[in-house]
Protein backbone atom coordinates (compact mmCIF):
# COMPACT_ATOMS: atom_id res chain seq x y z
CA MET A 1 0.00 0.00 0.00
CA ILE A 2 1.05 3.67 -0.23
CA ASN A 3 3.24 4.65 2.72
CA THR A 4 4.97 7.95 1.85
CA ILE A 5 4.01 11.33 0.41
CA ASN A 6 6.45 10.77 -2.46
CA HIS A 7 4.74 7.50 -3.37
CA LEU A 8 1.32 9.17 -3.12
CA ALA A 9 2.48 12.02 -5.35
CA PHE A 10 3.78 9.51 -7.89
CA VAL A 11 0.45 7.68 -7.96
CA LEU A 12 -1.43 10.96 -8.37
CA LYS A 13 1.07 12.31 -10.93
CA VAL A 14 1.77 15.50 -9.02
CA GLU A 15 4.61 16.99 -7.01
CA PRO A 16 4.54 16.49 -3.21
CA LYS A 17 4.70 20.26 -2.73
CA GLU A 18 1.48 20.70 -4.74
CA ILE A 19 -0.38 18.29 -2.46
CA LEU A 20 0.78 20.25 0.59
CA SER A 21 -0.03 23.59 -1.06
CA ILE A 22 -3.58 22.55 -1.94
CA ILE A 23 -4.19 21.26 1.58
CA ALA A 24 -2.80 24.48 3.08
CA ASN A 25 -5.19 26.55 0.94
CA ILE A 26 -8.10 24.12 0.81
CA ASP A 27 -10.81 26.82 0.95
CA LYS A 28 -9.74 27.98 -2.51
CA SER A 29 -10.55 24.54 -3.96
CA TYR A 30 -14.28 24.42 -3.11
CA TYR A 31 -17.29 26.61 -3.68
CA GLU A 32 -20.73 26.55 -2.09
CA ARG A 33 -23.92 25.85 -4.00
CA LYS A 34 -27.35 25.78 -2.39
CA ILE A 35 -30.26 23.78 -3.79
CA ILE A 36 -33.71 24.58 -2.43
CA LYS A 37 -36.64 22.30 -3.29
CA THR A 38 -40.27 22.28 -2.21
CA SER A 39 -41.84 18.86 -1.68
CA LYS A 40 -45.41 17.93 -2.63
CA THR A 41 -46.44 18.55 0.96
CA GLY A 42 -45.00 22.07 0.84
CA LYS A 43 -41.98 21.29 2.98
CA ILE A 44 -38.87 23.22 1.95
CA LYS A 45 -35.69 21.20 1.70
CA LYS A 46 -32.27 22.80 1.42
CA ARG A 47 -29.09 21.04 0.35
CA VAL A 48 -25.67 22.63 0.52
CA LEU A 49 -23.18 21.31 -2.02
CA ASN A 50 -19.45 21.93 -1.95
CA PRO A 51 -18.13 20.89 -5.37
CA SER A 52 -14.36 20.86 -5.74
CA ILE A 53 -12.67 22.93 -8.44
CA ASN A 54 -9.35 23.51 -10.19
CA ARG A 55 -6.41 21.25 -9.34
CA LEU A 56 -8.09 19.59 -6.36
CA LYS A 57 -10.86 18.31 -8.62
CA VAL A 58 -8.23 16.89 -10.99
CA ILE A 59 -6.42 15.22 -8.10
CA GLN A 60 -9.66 13.83 -6.66
CA LYS A 61 -10.45 12.25 -10.02
CA ARG A 62 -7.02 10.64 -9.93
CA ILE A 63 -7.66 9.39 -6.39
CA GLN A 64 -10.88 7.86 -7.70
CA LYS A 65 -9.18 6.26 -10.71
CA ASN A 66 -5.76 5.33 -9.35
CA ILE A 67 -6.51 4.52 -5.71
CA PHE A 68 -10.19 3.86 -5.05
CA SER A 69 -10.45 1.55 -8.07
CA GLN A 70 -7.86 -0.71 -6.40
CA LEU A 71 -9.91 -1.06 -3.20
CA GLU A 72 -12.48 -3.84 -3.13
CA LEU A 73 -16.08 -2.86 -2.50
CA PRO A 74 -18.58 -5.33 -0.96
CA ASP A 75 -21.01 -7.34 -3.05
CA TYR A 76 -23.93 -5.62 -1.34
CA ALA A 77 -22.93 -2.17 -2.70
CA TYR A 78 -24.66 -1.06 -5.92
CA GLY A 79 -24.22 2.72 -5.86
CA ALA A 80 -21.14 4.35 -7.43
CA VAL A 81 -19.82 0.92 -8.39
CA THR A 82 -18.79 0.27 -11.99
CA GLY A 83 -21.15 -2.16 -13.70
CA ARG A 84 -23.89 -1.86 -11.07
CA ASP A 85 -26.89 0.46 -10.79
CA ASN A 86 -30.27 1.01 -9.11
CA VAL A 87 -32.09 -1.40 -11.43
CA MET A 88 -29.69 -4.24 -10.65
CA ASN A 89 -30.04 -3.36 -6.99
CA ALA A 90 -33.83 -3.62 -7.16
CA ARG A 91 -33.66 -6.91 -9.03
CA ARG A 92 -31.79 -8.51 -6.15
CA HIS A 93 -35.01 -8.20 -4.13
CA GLN A 94 -37.39 -9.54 -6.76
CA GLY A 95 -39.58 -12.41 -5.58
CA LYS A 96 -39.09 -11.62 -1.88
CA LYS A 97 -42.42 -10.95 -0.17
CA TYR A 98 -41.12 -9.00 2.82
CA ASN A 99 -39.12 -5.85 2.26
CA PHE A 100 -37.51 -3.28 4.56
CA THR A 101 -36.10 -0.05 3.13
CA THR A 102 -34.54 2.92 4.86
CA ASP A 103 -32.45 5.97 4.02
CA LEU A 104 -29.43 7.39 5.81
CA LYS A 105 -30.15 11.03 6.63
CA LYS A 106 -27.60 13.60 5.40
CA PHE A 107 -25.26 10.72 4.67
CA PHE A 108 -22.21 12.55 3.27
CA PRO A 109 -22.17 15.32 5.92
CA SER A 110 -22.56 12.68 8.64
CA ILE A 111 -19.23 11.10 7.66
CA SER A 112 -16.51 12.84 9.67
CA HIS A 113 -12.88 13.22 8.70
CA ARG A 114 -12.07 10.86 11.59
CA LYS A 115 -14.14 8.08 10.01
CA VAL A 116 -12.43 8.71 6.67
CA PHE A 117 -8.99 8.56 8.28
CA GLU A 118 -9.86 5.30 10.05
CA MET A 119 -11.11 3.84 6.76
CA PHE A 120 -7.81 4.60 5.00
CA ARG A 121 -5.90 3.07 7.90
CA SER A 122 -8.06 -0.06 7.67
CA PHE A 123 -6.79 -0.47 4.10
CA ASN A 124 -3.21 -0.29 5.42
CA PHE A 125 -2.29 3.19 4.22
CA SER A 126 0.37 4.65 6.52
CA PRO A 127 -0.83 7.24 9.07
CA THR A 128 0.85 10.01 7.04
CA VAL A 129 -0.76 9.01 3.73
CA ALA A 130 -4.12 8.34 5.40
CA ARG A 131 -4.01 11.87 6.82
CA LEU A 132 -3.12 13.42 3.45
CA LEU A 133 -5.84 11.48 1.59
CA THR A 134 -8.35 12.48 4.26
CA GLN A 135 -7.41 16.13 3.82
CA LEU A 136 -7.74 15.81 0.04
CA THR A 137 -11.21 14.21 0.19
CA THR A 138 -12.94 15.93 3.12
CA TYR A 139 -13.87 19.57 3.69
CA LYS A 140 -14.66 21.33 6.95
CA GLY A 141 -14.39 18.03 8.80
CA LYS A 142 -16.79 16.01 6.65
CA VAL A 143 -17.34 14.42 3.25
CA PRO A 144 -18.40 17.18 0.81
CA GLN A 145 -21.40 16.73 -1.44
CA GLY A 146 -20.35 17.40 -5.02
CA ALA A 147 -16.78 16.11 -4.99
CA PRO A 148 -15.97 13.27 -7.45
CA THR A 149 -14.53 11.11 -4.65
CA SER A 150 -17.46 11.39 -2.24
CA PRO A 151 -19.78 8.56 -3.47
CA THR A 152 -17.07 5.89 -3.42
CA LEU A 153 -15.60 7.34 -0.25
CA SER A 154 -18.96 6.93 1.48
CA ASN A 155 -19.16 3.30 0.33
CA LEU A 156 -15.70 2.63 1.74
CA VAL A 157 -16.42 4.27 5.09
CA PHE A 158 -19.72 2.37 5.41
CA ILE A 159 -17.97 -1.01 5.08
CA LYS A 160 -17.46 -1.14 8.86
CA THR A 161 -21.23 -0.89 9.43
CA GLY A 162 -22.05 -2.86 6.29
CA LYS A 163 -20.15 -5.90 7.54
CA LYS A 164 -22.34 -6.00 10.65
CA LEU A 165 -25.50 -5.67 8.58
CA GLN A 166 -24.31 -8.32 6.10
CA LYS A 167 -23.58 -10.73 8.97
CA PHE A 168 -27.07 -10.08 10.37
CA ALA A 169 -28.60 -10.63 6.91
CA THR A 170 -26.72 -13.88 6.35
CA GLU A 171 -27.65 -15.26 9.77
CA ASN A 172 -31.33 -14.47 9.14
CA LYS A 173 -31.35 -15.50 5.45
CA LEU A 174 -32.06 -11.96 4.22
CA THR A 175 -30.92 -10.24 1.04
CA PHE A 176 -29.12 -6.97 1.83
CA THR A 177 -28.02 -4.24 -0.61
CA THR A 178 -27.09 -0.57 -0.54
CA LEU A 179 -27.30 2.19 -3.11
CA ILE A 180 -25.14 4.87 -1.44
CA ASP A 181 -27.51 6.00 1.36
CA ASP A 182 -30.43 3.65 0.56
CA LEU A 183 -30.47 0.36 2.47
CA THR A 184 -32.73 -2.52 1.44
CA PHE A 185 -33.39 -5.87 3.14
CA SER A 186 -35.76 -8.54 1.86
CA ALA A 187 -36.76 -12.14 2.54
CA PRO A 188 -39.43 -14.70 1.64
CA VAL A 189 -40.43 -14.86 5.33
CA ASP A 190 -41.53 -12.17 7.77
CA PHE A 191 -38.65 -10.48 9.63
CA LYS A 192 -40.39 -7.37 10.94
CA ASP A 193 -39.54 -8.30 14.53
CA LYS A 194 -35.83 -8.14 13.62
CA ALA A 195 -35.87 -4.81 11.76
CA HIS A 196 -35.03 -2.91 14.95
CA PHE A 197 -31.54 -4.44 14.83
CA ILE A 198 -30.87 -2.71 11.51
CA ILE A 199 -31.82 0.71 12.87
CA GLU A 200 -29.90 0.18 16.11
CA THR A 201 -26.75 -0.96 14.27
CA VAL A 202 -26.78 2.03 11.93
CA GLN A 203 -27.38 4.51 14.73
CA ALA A 204 -24.73 2.94 16.97
CA ASP A 205 -22.13 3.69 14.28
CA GLY A 206 -23.05 7.37 14.17
CA PHE A 207 -25.43 7.42 11.20
CA ARG A 208 -28.99 8.72 11.28
CA ILE A 209 -32.11 7.08 9.87
CA SER A 210 -34.60 9.08 7.83
CA HIS A 211 -37.79 7.88 9.49
CA ASP A 212 -40.11 9.22 6.79
CA LYS A 213 -38.21 7.08 4.27
CA THR A 214 -38.27 3.92 6.39
CA ASN A 215 -40.80 1.32 5.30
CA TYR A 216 -41.64 -2.33 5.85
CA LYS A 217 -43.80 -3.65 3.02
CA THR A 218 -45.21 -6.93 1.81
CA LYS A 219 -46.53 -5.89 -1.59
CA ASN A 220 -44.87 -4.10 -4.54
CA PRO A 221 -42.25 -2.14 -2.59
CA LEU A 222 -40.41 0.75 -4.21
CA VAL A 223 -36.72 -0.12 -4.14
CA THR A 224 -34.29 2.58 -5.32
CA GLY A 225 -36.86 4.05 -7.69
CA VAL A 226 -38.13 0.73 -9.10
CA VAL A 227 -41.33 -1.15 -8.20
CA VAL A 228 -40.36 -4.69 -7.21
CA LYS A 229 -43.07 -7.27 -7.89
CA ASN A 230 -43.01 -11.00 -7.39
CA ASN A 231 -42.13 -11.90 -10.98
CA ASN A 232 -40.96 -8.65 -12.53
CA LEU A 233 -39.82 -5.06 -12.08
CA ALA A 234 -42.03 -2.12 -12.99
CA LEU A 235 -41.89 1.65 -13.35
CA PRO A 236 -43.49 3.76 -10.59
CA ASP A 237 -46.46 5.92 -11.55
CA SER A 238 -44.40 9.09 -11.02
CA PHE A 239 -41.96 7.99 -13.72
CA LYS A 240 -44.75 7.01 -16.10
CA ILE A 241 -46.17 10.54 -15.78
CA LYS A 242 -42.72 12.01 -16.43
CA LEU A 243 -42.43 9.83 -19.53
CA GLN A 244 -45.76 11.08 -20.88
CA GLU A 245 -45.13 14.77 -20.20
CA VAL A 246 -42.84 15.58 -23.12
CA GLU A 247 -43.51 19.32 -23.27
CA GLY A 248 -40.38 21.31 -22.47
CA LYS A 249 -38.11 18.29 -22.74
CA SER A 250 -35.40 17.98 -25.37
CA ALA A 251 -35.23 15.02 -27.75
CA GLU A 252 -32.18 13.80 -25.85
CA GLN A 253 -34.01 13.94 -22.51
CA ILE A 254 -36.99 12.04 -23.93
CA ARG A 255 -34.67 9.43 -25.40
CA GLY A 256 -32.92 9.05 -22.04
CA LEU A 257 -36.22 8.49 -20.24
CA LYS A 258 -37.30 5.89 -22.78
CA LEU A 259 -33.97 4.07 -22.57
CA TYR A 260 -34.26 3.92 -18.79
CA ALA A 261 -37.86 2.66 -19.03
CA ASP A 262 -36.74 -0.09 -21.41
CA LYS A 263 -33.92 -1.00 -19.06
CA VAL A 264 -36.31 -1.50 -16.15
CA LEU A 265 -38.91 -3.42 -18.15
CA ASN A 266 -36.31 -5.59 -19.86
CA ALA A 267 -34.52 -6.44 -16.63
CA ASN A 268 -37.14 -9.09 -15.90
């Protein structure tokens, strides 16, 4: 594994002094972007993004390509994993009558720089390199939303908790998958009395559950944007409406929607 700043610089194709300079002036490598949305119920939701820019963004892309791609992600992870997506994630739960889904609230901001550092150490990076990589991939003490490294970084940090959940799933003959901050468990038999373990495990590791996005269903659950039926996958009504409302959409957007619809319907 990478043990020195010189080795890290070589892997990232930069000079060691540039790494140190960027870290010393990290505020110049991010900007703030606010997204405000109003839900159907009238509730206002605000998200603060901190996309990286300039040389840091270039270096983060190299961290993603040259370092993160060498680290093994669990089989349960379907988000930000090459060759996997939300449709494949949903298909894993097809034919299972009982389904538990939940969402990790403010997932990226809830991941502290300490957790990131510990993750790098768990992959045998030296303390020095783990510290430098943490400084290059976190901002203001947490994982920034909008940086190219953040999705995979969150998967890697969650492995510690994911192993506990996977062990629980295996022992209880459940299927368990994640799509970044969406967790799904399913089984052919009722496991509602065991669902509390999932919530307790997640919370014990410092993550928060979004209670309004936590559901236990026995019929046609919505799993990462796809309706999971006993023998097939289907599009939710909200997507069908979006597919029909073509006004204001470009030909490319319409084509993209149709391709996605075909992907879901042909996944059966």
